[in-house]
């Protein structure tokens, strides 16, 4: 199982950043704080192209870059 976990200092910094950067969006701050405390299970992450198809969006053009 691949899992990304954050050290206690990293968790604190992520929580502070979530609260300061998203004061108008408590739901987003909550999600970021949860990620900081629980980590990320990389085995359950889905591919961006799969998410696009699931939401009914068109497939990404072949010439589109892989990163933003």
C-alpha atoms as a PDB file:
ATOM      1  CA  UNK A   1       0.000   0.000   0.000  1.00  0.00           C
ATOM      2  CA  UNK A   2       1.406   3.375  -0.997  1.00  0.00           C
ATOM      3  CA  UNK A   3       0.552   6.141   1.425  1.00  0.00           C
ATOM      4  CA  UNK A   4       1.672   9.746   1.644  1.00  0.00           C
ATOM      5  CA  UNK A   5       1.869  10.900   5.256  1.00  0.00           C
ATOM      6  CA  UNK A   6       2.938  14.207   6.734  1.00  0.00           C
ATOM      7  CA  UNK A   7       5.126  14.793   9.782  1.00  0.00           C
ATOM      8  CA  UNK A   8       3.710  16.747  12.726  1.00  0.00           C
ATOM      9  CA  UNK A   9       5.371  20.010  11.617  1.00  0.00           C
ATOM     10  CA  UNK A  10       4.087  19.514   8.069  1.00  0.00           C
ATOM     11  CA  UNK A  11       0.593  18.798   9.399  1.00  0.00           C
ATOM     12  CA  UNK A  12       0.627  21.995  11.434  1.00  0.00           C
ATOM     13  CA  UNK A  13       1.816  24.041   8.460  1.00  0.00           C
ATOM     14  CA  UNK A  14      -0.794  22.521   6.152  1.00  0.00           C
ATOM     15  CA  UNK A  15      -3.580  23.213   8.648  1.00  0.00           C
ATOM     16  CA  UNK A  16      -2.474  26.810   9.110  1.00  0.00           C
ATOM     17  CA  UNK A  17      -2.236  27.306   5.349  1.00  0.00           C
ATOM     18  CA  UNK A  18      -5.692  25.802   4.801  1.00  0.00           C
ATOM     19  CA  UNK A  19      -7.237  28.139   7.362  1.00  0.00           C
ATOM     20  CA  UNK A  20      -5.462  31.276   6.151  1.00  0.00           C
ATOM     21  CA  UNK A  21      -5.752  30.652   2.405  1.00  0.00           C
ATOM     22  CA  UNK A  22      -9.405  29.577   2.347  1.00  0.00           C
ATOM     23  CA  UNK A  23     -11.240  31.592   5.020  1.00  0.00           C
ATOM     24  CA  UNK A  24     -14.268  31.983   2.767  1.00  0.00           C
ATOM     25  CA  UNK A  25     -14.471  28.294   1.911  1.00  0.00           C
ATOM     26  CA  UNK A  26     -14.607  26.203   5.097  1.00  0.00           C
ATOM     27  CA  UNK A  27     -15.366  23.015   3.149  1.00  0.00           C
ATOM     28  CA  UNK A  28     -12.116  23.266   1.207  1.00  0.00           C
ATOM     29  CA  UNK A  29     -10.180  24.120   4.368  1.00  0.00           C
ATOM     30  CA  UNK A  30     -11.726  21.051   6.054  1.00  0.00           C
ATOM     31  CA  UNK A  31     -10.672  18.765   3.190  1.00  0.00           C
ATOM     32  CA  UNK A  32      -7.111  20.094   3.263  1.00  0.00           C
ATOM     33  CA  UNK A  33      -6.931  19.747   7.037  1.00  0.00           C
ATOM     34  CA  UNK A  34      -8.174  16.161   6.747  1.00  0.00           C
ATOM     35  CA  UNK A  35      -5.516  15.366   4.163  1.00  0.00           C
ATOM     36  CA  UNK A  36      -2.894  16.824   6.469  1.00  0.00           C
ATOM     37  CA  UNK A  37      -3.962  14.661   9.403  1.00  0.00           C
ATOM     38  CA  UNK A  38      -4.883  11.434   7.590  1.00  0.00           C
ATOM     39  CA  UNK A  39      -2.444  11.468   4.693  1.00  0.00           C
ATOM     40  CA  UNK A  40      -3.272  10.269   1.201  1.00  0.00           C
ATOM     41  CA  UNK A  41      -3.726   6.635   0.159  1.00  0.00           C
ATOM     42  CA  UNK A  42      -2.104   6.693  -3.264  1.00  0.00           C
ATOM     43  CA  UNK A  43      -3.596   3.301  -4.161  1.00  0.00           C
ATOM     44  CA  UNK A  44      -7.103   4.805  -4.183  1.00  0.00           C
ATOM     45  CA  UNK A  45      -6.223   7.859  -6.284  1.00  0.00           C
ATOM     46  CA  UNK A  46      -7.860   7.954  -9.700  1.00  0.00           C
ATOM     47  CA  UNK A  47      -6.456   9.132 -12.976  1.00  0.00           C
ATOM     48  CA  UNK A  48      -7.559  12.586 -14.180  1.00  0.00           C
ATOM     49  CA  UNK A  49      -8.761  11.140 -17.487  1.00  0.00           C
ATOM     50  CA  UNK A  50     -10.951   8.611 -15.627  1.00  0.00           C
ATOM     51  CA  UNK A  51     -12.473  11.444 -13.584  1.00  0.00           C
ATOM     52  CA  UNK A  52     -13.191  13.443 -16.736  1.00  0.00           C
ATOM     53  CA  UNK A  53     -15.015  10.500 -18.326  1.00  0.00           C
ATOM     54  CA  UNK A  54     -16.928   9.792 -15.106  1.00  0.00           C
ATOM     55  CA  UNK A  55     -18.187  13.399 -15.075  1.00  0.00           C
ATOM     56  CA  UNK A  56     -19.185  13.250 -18.741  1.00  0.00           C
ATOM     57  CA  UNK A  57     -16.443  15.598 -19.914  1.00  0.00           C
ATOM     58  CA  UNK A  58     -14.831  15.025 -23.306  1.00  0.00           C
ATOM     59  CA  UNK A  59     -11.535  13.184 -23.471  1.00  0.00           C
ATOM     60  CA  UNK A  60      -8.464  15.361 -23.241  1.00  0.00           C
ATOM     61  CA  UNK A  61      -6.973  16.300 -26.627  1.00  0.00           C
ATOM     62  CA  UNK A  62      -3.794  14.420 -27.497  1.00  0.00           C
ATOM     63  CA  UNK A  63      -1.815  17.666 -27.781  1.00  0.00           C
ATOM     64  CA  UNK A  64      -2.780  18.783 -24.262  1.00  0.00           C
ATOM     65  CA  UNK A  65       0.158  18.963 -21.845  1.00  0.00           C
ATOM     66  CA  UNK A  66       0.372  16.412 -19.012  1.00  0.00           C
ATOM     67  CA  UNK A  67       0.896  19.109 -16.388  1.00  0.00           C
ATOM     68  CA  UNK A  68      -0.690  22.471 -15.801  1.00  0.00           C
END
